[in-house]
């Protein structure tokens, strides 16, 4: 009787989120606005100021009789990437394309280096106001989105399922079409009940630390199964593991935000 009531006790705690765009990051990942340039966060402040100071000089060079390609409003942007999909944007890091042609796991370090190289070419600060700058801004935002999506396993999996297989596990009706399997649901319930039982006790911190460790192990195991599913072309298994990973991410976020005295964590699905 108690086990049959557990899913009913969990359902009110799971709140639906608005439907994100394809490849958007889920749960606790710290995201920036899709239009914001990640490259700017890697630059020292002195460099950013230097770019602003140089803008008037760029305008004066544009007015000269021999404008350089970078300052001509009618110029094209050199070496623009193929934006067919997120994988084609990074041909050096992902030359074979999406799985199963290439492994699901990727080198985030290599991806970051290629991303910075691309942004160094495309960055809108290199162009004056006009059509070329607008095109550079659009390309920069597109590259940002692709980098953020591919650099995180969950968002990468969600992107592959949606763009390559037409499966949206983040849809508003996802709880109906992509329900969590009973075994994982019970594990989620156990975490919730443990926090309810010990959350207000003096030694709760050690229990929460153990729950975090256990959840990290679940994430690792789930990622291994997810990668194997994509690598072998098993789309249905990849879908199931992606749904499970979304919950483990949310458990991790809930445990991260837990404070002494709290007897409940909120899960967003």
Protein backbone atom coordinates (compact mmCIF):
# COMPACT_ATOMS: atom_id res chain seq x y z
CA UNK A 1 0.00 0.00 0.00
CA UNK A 2 2.81 2.46 0.95
CA UNK A 3 4.73 1.77 -2.25
CA UNK A 4 1.63 2.39 -4.38
CA UNK A 5 1.15 5.82 -2.79
CA UNK A 6 4.77 6.94 -3.24
CA UNK A 7 4.44 8.12 -6.87
CA UNK A 8 1.34 10.09 -5.85
CA UNK A 9 3.35 11.81 -3.12
CA UNK A 10 6.07 12.70 -5.61
CA UNK A 11 3.91 14.09 -8.40
CA UNK A 12 2.91 17.36 -6.67
CA UNK A 13 6.61 18.13 -6.19
CA UNK A 14 7.44 17.86 -9.87
CA UNK A 15 6.60 21.11 -11.64
CA UNK A 16 6.72 21.52 -15.39
CA UNK A 17 8.95 24.11 -16.97
CA UNK A 18 8.28 26.09 -20.10
CA UNK A 19 9.50 24.42 -23.24
CA UNK A 20 13.12 25.36 -23.90
CA UNK A 21 14.58 25.78 -27.34
CA UNK A 22 16.34 22.84 -28.94
CA UNK A 23 19.63 22.05 -27.30
CA UNK A 24 18.98 24.35 -24.35
CA UNK A 25 20.64 23.45 -21.14
CA UNK A 26 18.59 21.87 -18.44
CA UNK A 27 18.48 22.08 -14.71
CA UNK A 28 21.31 23.60 -12.73
CA UNK A 29 23.75 24.51 -15.44
CA UNK A 30 24.77 28.13 -15.30
CA UNK A 31 23.74 29.61 -18.59
CA UNK A 32 24.26 32.95 -20.25
CA UNK A 33 21.88 34.60 -22.67
CA UNK A 34 22.11 32.92 -26.12
CA UNK A 35 23.07 36.27 -27.62
CA UNK A 36 25.85 36.95 -25.15
CA UNK A 37 29.37 36.35 -26.38
CA UNK A 38 31.28 33.76 -24.38
CA UNK A 39 34.55 35.01 -25.84
CA UNK A 40 34.14 38.31 -23.99
CA UNK A 41 34.20 36.43 -20.67
CA UNK A 42 37.67 35.09 -21.48
CA UNK A 43 39.11 38.50 -22.34
CA UNK A 44 40.79 40.69 -19.70
CA UNK A 45 39.09 43.99 -19.03
CA UNK A 46 41.99 45.93 -20.49
CA UNK A 47 41.49 44.17 -23.84
CA UNK A 48 37.78 44.93 -23.87
CA UNK A 49 38.45 48.61 -23.15
CA UNK A 50 41.02 48.68 -25.90
CA UNK A 51 38.46 47.44 -28.38
CA UNK A 52 36.04 50.20 -27.46
CA UNK A 53 38.70 52.87 -27.70
CA UNK A 54 39.68 51.69 -31.17
CA UNK A 55 36.19 52.00 -32.64
CA UNK A 56 36.56 55.68 -33.63
CA UNK A 57 39.84 54.82 -35.37
CA UNK A 58 38.11 52.06 -37.27
CA UNK A 59 35.50 54.55 -38.46
CA UNK A 60 38.21 56.94 -39.65
CA UNK A 61 39.94 54.17 -41.59
CA UNK A 62 36.59 53.27 -43.13
CA UNK A 63 36.34 56.82 -44.43
CA UNK A 64 39.71 56.57 -46.17
CA UNK A 65 40.09 55.81 -49.88
CA UNK A 66 41.55 52.33 -49.18
CA UNK A 67 39.36 50.62 -46.59
CA UNK A 68 40.46 47.31 -45.16
CA UNK A 69 38.11 44.31 -45.56
CA UNK A 70 37.38 44.19 -41.83
CA UNK A 71 36.05 47.77 -41.81
CA UNK A 72 34.09 47.74 -45.06
CA UNK A 73 30.32 47.45 -44.54
CA UNK A 74 30.08 45.62 -47.86
CA UNK A 75 32.81 43.13 -47.02
CA UNK A 76 32.18 39.48 -46.33
CA UNK A 77 33.20 37.64 -43.16
CA UNK A 78 36.12 35.32 -43.93
CA UNK A 79 36.24 31.65 -42.99
CA UNK A 80 32.63 31.45 -41.80
CA UNK A 81 31.68 27.99 -40.46
CA UNK A 82 29.11 25.62 -41.91
CA UNK A 83 26.03 26.18 -39.73
CA UNK A 84 24.02 23.22 -41.03
CA UNK A 85 23.97 21.87 -37.48
CA UNK A 86 25.94 22.20 -34.23
CA UNK A 87 28.43 19.54 -35.30
CA UNK A 88 29.31 21.08 -38.66
CA UNK A 89 30.27 24.31 -36.91
CA UNK A 90 33.27 22.56 -35.32
CA UNK A 91 34.90 20.49 -38.13
CA UNK A 92 38.28 20.23 -36.40
CA UNK A 93 36.88 18.78 -33.18
CA UNK A 94 33.96 16.85 -34.70
CA UNK A 95 34.95 16.01 -38.29
CA UNK A 96 32.74 12.89 -38.57
CA UNK A 97 29.56 14.60 -37.39
CA UNK A 98 27.01 13.38 -34.83
CA UNK A 99 26.77 9.84 -33.44
CA UNK A 100 26.87 7.04 -34.43
CA UNK A 101 29.39 8.31 -37.01
CA UNK A 102 31.44 9.74 -34.16
CA UNK A 103 31.48 9.01 -30.40
CA UNK A 104 28.94 10.71 -28.17
CA UNK A 105 31.72 11.74 -25.77
CA UNK A 106 33.75 14.68 -27.05
CA UNK A 107 36.83 16.58 -25.93
CA UNK A 108 35.47 19.73 -24.32
CA UNK A 109 38.98 21.21 -24.28
CA UNK A 110 39.34 20.81 -28.05
CA UNK A 111 35.83 22.14 -28.54
CA UNK A 112 36.61 25.23 -26.47
CA UNK A 113 39.80 25.94 -28.44
CA UNK A 114 38.01 25.72 -31.77
CA UNK A 115 35.18 27.84 -30.40
CA UNK A 116 37.59 30.61 -29.37
CA UNK A 117 39.28 30.48 -32.77
CA UNK A 118 35.94 30.88 -34.52
CA UNK A 119 34.83 33.72 -32.28
CA UNK A 120 38.13 35.49 -32.86
CA UNK A 121 37.22 35.59 -36.56
CA UNK A 122 33.48 36.21 -36.25
CA UNK A 123 33.37 38.52 -33.22
CA UNK A 124 31.10 41.53 -33.98
CA UNK A 125 33.58 43.99 -32.41
CA UNK A 126 35.73 43.51 -35.52
CA UNK A 127 33.14 45.19 -37.74
CA UNK A 128 31.54 48.66 -37.83
CA UNK A 129 27.80 49.20 -37.83
CA UNK A 130 26.13 47.81 -40.90
CA UNK A 131 25.00 44.56 -42.58
CA UNK A 132 28.33 42.81 -42.07
CA UNK A 133 28.28 43.51 -38.33
CA UNK A 134 24.70 42.26 -38.10
CA UNK A 135 25.68 39.06 -39.87
CA UNK A 136 28.66 38.69 -37.52
CA UNK A 137 26.37 39.10 -34.51
CA UNK A 138 24.03 36.39 -35.80
CA UNK A 139 26.91 34.01 -36.50
CA UNK A 140 28.46 34.71 -33.11
CA UNK A 141 25.19 33.91 -31.34
CA UNK A 142 24.83 30.72 -33.38
CA UNK A 143 28.34 29.59 -32.45
CA UNK A 144 27.69 30.41 -28.78
CA UNK A 145 24.55 28.29 -28.80
CA UNK A 146 26.32 25.35 -30.44
CA UNK A 147 29.23 25.52 -27.99
CA UNK A 148 27.02 25.65 -24.90
CA UNK A 149 24.87 22.78 -26.17
CA UNK A 150 27.67 20.42 -27.13
CA UNK A 151 29.87 21.12 -24.11
CA UNK A 152 27.30 19.61 -21.69
CA UNK A 153 26.31 15.92 -22.01
CA UNK A 154 22.65 16.41 -21.11
CA UNK A 155 22.01 19.31 -23.49
CA UNK A 156 24.03 17.47 -26.16
CA UNK A 157 21.82 14.38 -25.76
CA UNK A 158 18.64 16.44 -25.85
CA UNK A 159 19.86 18.22 -28.99
CA UNK A 160 20.72 14.94 -30.76
CA UNK A 161 17.34 13.39 -29.90
CA UNK A 162 15.43 16.44 -31.13
CA UNK A 163 17.42 17.51 -34.19
CA UNK A 164 18.46 14.09 -35.47
CA UNK A 165 15.51 11.93 -34.39
CA UNK A 166 12.59 14.31 -33.77
CA UNK A 167 12.24 13.35 -30.09
CA UNK A 168 11.69 16.26 -27.67
CA UNK A 169 12.14 15.06 -24.10
CA UNK A 170 11.82 18.65 -22.87
CA UNK A 171 8.32 19.17 -24.27
CA UNK A 172 5.54 20.42 -22.01
CA UNK A 173 3.83 17.04 -22.30
CA UNK A 174 7.11 15.22 -21.70
CA UNK A 175 5.90 13.73 -18.42
CA UNK A 176 3.25 11.86 -20.41
CA UNK A 177 5.23 10.79 -23.47
CA UNK A 178 8.58 10.36 -21.72
CA UNK A 179 7.63 9.11 -18.27
CA UNK A 180 10.29 8.14 -15.78
CA UNK A 181 10.73 4.40 -15.33
CA UNK A 182 9.43 2.97 -12.00
CA UNK A 183 12.88 1.99 -10.72
CA UNK A 184 14.30 5.50 -11.14
CA UNK A 185 11.12 7.02 -9.74
CA UNK A 186 11.58 5.01 -6.55
CA UNK A 187 15.21 6.16 -6.26
CA UNK A 188 14.07 9.76 -6.56
CA UNK A 189 11.42 9.11 -3.91
CA UNK A 190 14.03 7.67 -1.54
CA UNK A 191 16.17 10.80 -1.83
CA UNK A 192 13.15 12.99 -1.09
CA UNK A 193 12.10 10.89 1.89
CA UNK A 194 15.62 10.85 3.33
CA UNK A 195 15.74 14.63 3.26
CA UNK A 196 12.30 14.81 4.88
CA UNK A 197 13.49 12.53 7.69
CA UNK A 198 16.88 14.08 8.47
CA UNK A 199 16.77 17.56 6.94
CA UNK A 200 16.09 19.33 10.23
CA UNK A 201 18.46 17.24 12.35
CA UNK A 202 21.83 18.64 13.54
CA UNK A 203 23.90 16.08 11.60
CA UNK A 204 22.00 16.41 8.34
CA UNK A 205 25.03 17.84 6.48
CA UNK A 206 26.84 14.50 6.49
CA UNK A 207 23.75 12.74 5.15
CA UNK A 208 23.37 15.30 2.38
CA UNK A 209 27.06 14.87 1.50
CA UNK A 210 26.51 11.12 1.14
CA UNK A 211 23.43 11.70 -1.02
CA UNK A 212 25.50 13.96 -3.27
CA UNK A 213 28.13 11.26 -3.66
CA UNK A 214 25.54 8.64 -4.50
CA UNK A 215 23.94 10.94 -7.05
CA UNK A 216 27.29 11.66 -8.71
CA UNK A 217 27.74 7.90 -9.15
CA UNK A 218 24.28 7.68 -10.73
CA UNK A 219 25.17 10.46 -13.17
CA UNK A 220 28.40 8.72 -14.21
CA UNK A 221 26.63 5.41 -14.74
CA UNK A 222 23.82 7.07 -16.68
CA UNK A 223 26.27 8.94 -18.93
CA UNK A 224 28.06 5.69 -19.78
CA UNK A 225 24.79 4.04 -20.79
CA UNK A 226 23.73 7.16 -22.71
CA UNK A 227 26.99 7.26 -24.67
CA UNK A 228 26.76 3.55 -25.49
CA UNK A 229 23.19 3.98 -26.73
CA UNK A 230 24.09 6.83 -29.07
CA UNK A 231 27.25 5.10 -30.28
CA UNK A 232 25.33 1.96 -31.25
CA UNK A 233 22.38 3.83 -32.74
CA UNK A 234 19.95 2.63 -30.06
CA UNK A 235 17.72 5.70 -30.06
CA UNK A 236 15.09 4.32 -27.68
CA UNK A 237 17.68 3.49 -25.02
CA UNK A 238 19.23 6.92 -25.53
CA UNK A 239 15.82 8.51 -24.95
CA UNK A 240 15.27 6.57 -21.72
CA UNK A 241 18.73 7.37 -20.36
CA UNK A 242 18.31 11.04 -21.27
CA UNK A 243 15.08 11.21 -19.27
CA UNK A 244 16.84 9.58 -16.31
CA UNK A 245 19.80 11.95 -16.59
CA UNK A 246 17.47 14.95 -16.46
CA UNK A 247 16.26 13.76 -13.05
CA UNK A 248 19.77 13.10 -11.73
CA UNK A 249 20.76 16.61 -12.81
CA UNK A 250 17.77 18.01 -10.95
CA UNK A 251 18.55 15.94 -7.86
CA UNK A 252 22.10 17.32 -7.98
CA UNK A 253 20.78 20.86 -8.18
CA UNK A 254 18.35 20.29 -5.33
CA UNK A 255 21.09 18.86 -3.11
CA UNK A 256 23.40 21.72 -4.05
CA UNK A 257 20.81 24.28 -2.99
CA UNK A 258 19.93 22.44 0.24
CA UNK A 259 20.43 24.40 3.45
CA UNK A 260 20.45 23.14 7.06
CA UNK A 261 16.92 22.79 8.36
CA UNK A 262 15.40 22.21 4.92
CA UNK A 263 13.21 19.11 4.77
CA UNK A 264 12.33 19.19 1.08
CA UNK A 265 14.02 19.71 -2.27
CA UNK A 266 12.16 20.95 -5.31
CA UNK A 267 12.52 19.02 -8.56
CA UNK A 268 11.79 20.66 -11.90
CA UNK A 269 10.96 18.38 -14.81
